[in-house]
Amino acid sequence: QVQLVESGGGLVQPGGSLRLSCAASGLTFRTYAMTWYRQAPGKERELVATYSGIYADSVKGRFTFASDNANNIVYLQMNSLKPEDTAVYYCNARQLYVPTGAREYWGQGTQVTVSS
């Protein structure tokens, strides 16, 4: 059974930092593309950062994707946080090397609130 468990969210002041973690189990880590998404209230879910180094324009230079392949964990280091970064952050795993019918999994999400 595949599980993605996010942690590390919370309340932080503008300009502060947080590090999110996503622990993956039940899958072969190297055969999945790991991605961070977020969804703010009233907005659609958007891509934040990928394992291949793609970042949303709004987070470039502030957020960093990292992975610990030995322990099946990915991280999202978030610096210089802004109120507009407030959202539920989700970890996503999508099978690589599968032309059709790739399996995809989501974590339960972790809330990040940036407010003074």
C-alpha atoms as a PDB file:
ATOM      1  CA  GLN A   1       0.000   0.000   0.000  1.00  0.00           C
ATOM      2  CA  VAL A   2       1.444   3.315  -1.110  1.00  0.00           C
ATOM      3  CA  GLN A   3       1.507   6.122   1.431  1.00  0.00           C
ATOM      4  CA  LEU A   4       2.734   9.678   1.171  1.00  0.00           C
ATOM      5  CA  VAL A   5       2.833  11.470   4.512  1.00  0.00           C
ATOM      6  CA  GLU A   6       3.563  15.185   4.612  1.00  0.00           C
ATOM      7  CA  SER A   7       4.704  17.066   7.692  1.00  0.00           C
ATOM      8  CA  GLY A   8       6.290  20.342   8.680  1.00  0.00           C
ATOM      9  CA  GLY A   9       3.509  22.797   7.991  1.00  0.00           C
ATOM     10  CA  GLY A  10       2.408  25.453  10.425  1.00  0.00           C
ATOM     11  CA  LEU A  11       2.024  29.145  11.111  1.00  0.00           C
ATOM     12  CA  VAL A  12       4.966  31.390  10.265  1.00  0.00           C
ATOM     13  CA  GLN A  13       5.478  35.129  10.004  1.00  0.00           C
ATOM     14  CA  PRO A  14       6.218  36.788   6.680  1.00  0.00           C
ATOM     15  CA  GLY A  15       9.884  36.446   5.869  1.00  0.00           C
ATOM     16  CA  GLY A  16      10.169  33.242   7.846  1.00  0.00           C
ATOM     17  CA  SER A  17      11.077  29.724   6.773  1.00  0.00           C
ATOM     18  CA  LEU A  18       9.613  26.250   6.922  1.00  0.00           C
ATOM     19  CA  ARG A  19      10.744  22.867   5.700  1.00  0.00           C
ATOM     20  CA  LEU A  20       8.119  20.422   4.553  1.00  0.00           C
ATOM     21  CA  SER A  21       8.775  16.707   4.415  1.00  0.00           C
ATOM     22  CA  CYS A  22       7.058  13.927   2.496  1.00  0.00           C
ATOM     23  CA  ALA A  23       7.816  10.368   3.491  1.00  0.00           C
ATOM     24  CA  ALA A  24       6.948   7.800   0.834  1.00  0.00           C
ATOM     25  CA  SER A  25       6.358   4.108   1.463  1.00  0.00           C
ATOM     26  CA  GLY A  26       5.091   1.205  -0.581  1.00  0.00           C
ATOM     27  CA  LEU A  27       6.688   2.310  -3.837  1.00  0.00           C
ATOM     28  CA  THR A  28      10.039   2.076  -5.568  1.00  0.00           C
ATOM     29  CA  PHE A  29      11.189   5.625  -5.012  1.00  0.00           C
ATOM     30  CA  ARG A  30      13.510   5.932  -8.022  1.00  0.00           C
ATOM     31  CA  THR A  31      10.716   4.970 -10.446  1.00  0.00           C
ATOM     32  CA  TYR A  32       8.443   7.821  -9.397  1.00  0.00           C
ATOM     33  CA  ALA A  33       8.538  11.517 -10.162  1.00  0.00           C
ATOM     34  CA  MET A  34       8.025  13.442  -6.943  1.00  0.00           C
ATOM     35  CA  THR A  35       6.354  16.829  -7.026  1.00  0.00           C
ATOM     36  CA  TRP A  36       5.101  19.421  -4.561  1.00  0.00           C
ATOM     37  CA  TYR A  37       1.776  21.124  -5.246  1.00  0.00           C
ATOM     38  CA  ARG A  38      -0.251  23.604  -3.256  1.00  0.00           C
ATOM     39  CA  GLN A  39      -3.834  24.774  -3.137  1.00  0.00           C
ATOM     40  CA  ALA A  40      -4.902  28.073  -1.648  1.00  0.00           C
ATOM     41  CA  PRO A  41      -8.513  28.727  -0.588  1.00  0.00           C
ATOM     42  CA  GLY A  42     -10.721  29.341  -3.603  1.00  0.00           C
ATOM     43  CA  LYS A  43      -7.929  28.563  -6.050  1.00  0.00           C
ATOM     44  CA  GLU A  44      -6.926  25.609  -8.164  1.00  0.00           C
ATOM     45  CA  ARG A  45      -4.122  23.291  -7.153  1.00  0.00           C
ATOM     46  CA  GLU A  46      -0.833  24.459  -8.649  1.00  0.00           C
ATOM     47  CA  LEU A  47       2.592  22.945  -9.155  1.00  0.00           C
ATOM     48  CA  VAL A  48       5.234  24.323  -6.812  1.00  0.00           C
ATOM     49  CA  ALA A  49       8.415  22.304  -7.370  1.00  0.00           C
ATOM     50  CA  THR A  50       9.500  19.088  -9.038  1.00  0.00           C
ATOM     51  CA  TYR A  51      12.317  16.577  -8.584  1.00  0.00           C
ATOM     52  CA  SER A  52      13.697  17.679 -11.960  1.00  0.00           C
ATOM     53  CA  GLY A  53      14.216  21.261 -10.848  1.00  0.00           C
ATOM     54  CA  ILE A  54      11.118  22.969 -12.191  1.00  0.00           C
ATOM     55  CA  TYR A  55       9.662  25.662  -9.968  1.00  0.00           C
ATOM     56  CA  ALA A  56       6.631  27.892 -10.150  1.00  0.00           C
ATOM     57  CA  ASP A  57       7.691  31.433 -11.038  1.00  0.00           C
ATOM     58  CA  SER A  58       6.220  32.688  -7.791  1.00  0.00           C
ATOM     59  CA  VAL A  59       8.608  30.587  -5.674  1.00  0.00           C
ATOM     60  CA  LYS A  60      11.832  30.652  -7.720  1.00  0.00           C
ATOM     61  CA  GLY A  61      14.778  31.689  -5.608  1.00  0.00           C
ATOM     62  CA  ARG A  62      12.868  31.133  -2.367  1.00  0.00           C
ATOM     63  CA  PHE A  63      11.874  27.447  -2.383  1.00  0.00           C
ATOM     64  CA  THR A  64      14.149  24.461  -2.871  1.00  0.00           C
ATOM     65  CA  PHE A  65      13.238  20.854  -3.648  1.00  0.00           C
ATOM     66  CA  ALA A  66      15.460  18.192  -2.095  1.00  0.00           C
ATOM     67  CA  SER A  67      15.340  14.447  -1.731  1.00  0.00           C
ATOM     68  CA  ASP A  68      16.810  11.769   0.502  1.00  0.00           C
ATOM     69  CA  ASN A  69      16.672   8.767  -1.780  1.00  0.00           C
ATOM     70  CA  ALA A  70      18.064   6.396   0.816  1.00  0.00           C
ATOM     71  CA  ASN A  71      15.098   7.062   3.091  1.00  0.00           C
ATOM     72  CA  ASN A  72      12.396   7.793   0.502  1.00  0.00           C
ATOM     73  CA  ILE A  73      11.810  11.347   1.695  1.00  0.00           C
ATOM     74  CA  VAL A  74      11.449  14.549  -0.261  1.00  0.00           C
ATOM     75  CA  TYR A  75      11.626  18.019   1.183  1.00  0.00           C
ATOM     76  CA  LEU A  76      10.505  21.494   0.298  1.00  0.00           C
ATOM     77  CA  GLN A  77      12.626  24.181   1.921  1.00  0.00           C
ATOM     78  CA  MET A  78      10.641  27.408   1.922  1.00  0.00           C
ATOM     79  CA  ASN A  79      12.407  30.679   2.706  1.00  0.00           C
ATOM     80  CA  SER A  80      11.294  34.307   2.622  1.00  0.00           C
ATOM     81  CA  LEU A  81       7.713  33.214   2.978  1.00  0.00           C
ATOM     82  CA  LYS A  82       4.945  35.566   1.923  1.00  0.00           C
ATOM     83  CA  PRO A  83       1.263  35.675   2.856  1.00  0.00           C
ATOM     84  CA  GLU A  84       0.419  34.540  -0.668  1.00  0.00           C
ATOM     85  CA  ASP A  85       2.264  31.286   0.037  1.00  0.00           C
ATOM     86  CA  THR A  86      -0.541  30.340   2.418  1.00  0.00           C
ATOM     87  CA  ALA A  87      -2.025  27.081   1.161  1.00  0.00           C
ATOM     88  CA  VAL A  88      -2.314  23.379   1.753  1.00  0.00           C
ATOM     89  CA  TYR A  89       0.827  21.757   0.385  1.00  0.00           C
ATOM     90  CA  TYR A  90       0.610  18.314  -1.173  1.00  0.00           C
ATOM     91  CA  CYS A  91       3.178  15.729  -2.118  1.00  0.00           C
ATOM     92  CA  ASN A  92       2.573  13.846  -5.378  1.00  0.00           C
ATOM     93  CA  ALA A  93       4.202  10.708  -6.780  1.00  0.00           C
ATOM     94  CA  ARG A  94       3.700   9.741 -10.423  1.00  0.00           C
ATOM     95  CA  GLN A  95       5.171   6.687 -12.086  1.00  0.00           C
ATOM     96  CA  LEU A  96       8.005   7.290 -14.505  1.00  0.00           C
ATOM     97  CA  TYR A  97       8.677   5.368 -17.737  1.00  0.00           C
ATOM     98  CA  VAL A  98       5.027   4.354 -18.202  1.00  0.00           C
ATOM     99  CA  PRO A  99       3.603   5.740 -21.468  1.00  0.00           C
ATOM    100  CA  THR A 100      -0.039   5.281 -20.454  1.00  0.00           C
ATOM    101  CA  GLY A 101      -1.886   4.522 -17.249  1.00  0.00           C
ATOM    102  CA  ALA A 102       0.837   5.786 -14.952  1.00  0.00           C
ATOM    103  CA  ARG A 103      -0.023   5.387 -11.304  1.00  0.00           C
ATOM    104  CA  GLU A 104      -0.285   8.551  -9.274  1.00  0.00           C
ATOM    105  CA  TYR A 105      -0.562   9.099  -5.547  1.00  0.00           C
ATOM    106  CA  TRP A 106      -1.225  12.087  -3.290  1.00  0.00           C
ATOM    107  CA  GLY A 107      -0.507  12.801   0.325  1.00  0.00           C
ATOM    108  CA  GLN A 108      -3.076  14.193   2.716  1.00  0.00           C
ATOM    109  CA  GLY A 109      -1.602  17.682   2.638  1.00  0.00           C
ATOM    110  CA  THR A 110      -0.074  19.958   5.237  1.00  0.00           C
ATOM    111  CA  GLN A 111      -1.292  23.473   5.980  1.00  0.00           C
ATOM    112  CA  VAL A 112       1.107  26.386   5.667  1.00  0.00           C
ATOM    113  CA  THR A 113      -0.114  29.743   6.931  1.00  0.00           C
ATOM    114  CA  VAL A 114       2.002  32.869   6.535  1.00  0.00           C
ATOM    115  CA  SER A 115       0.665  35.683   8.655  1.00  0.00           C
ATOM    116  CA  SER A 116       1.782  38.276  11.158  1.00  0.00           C
END
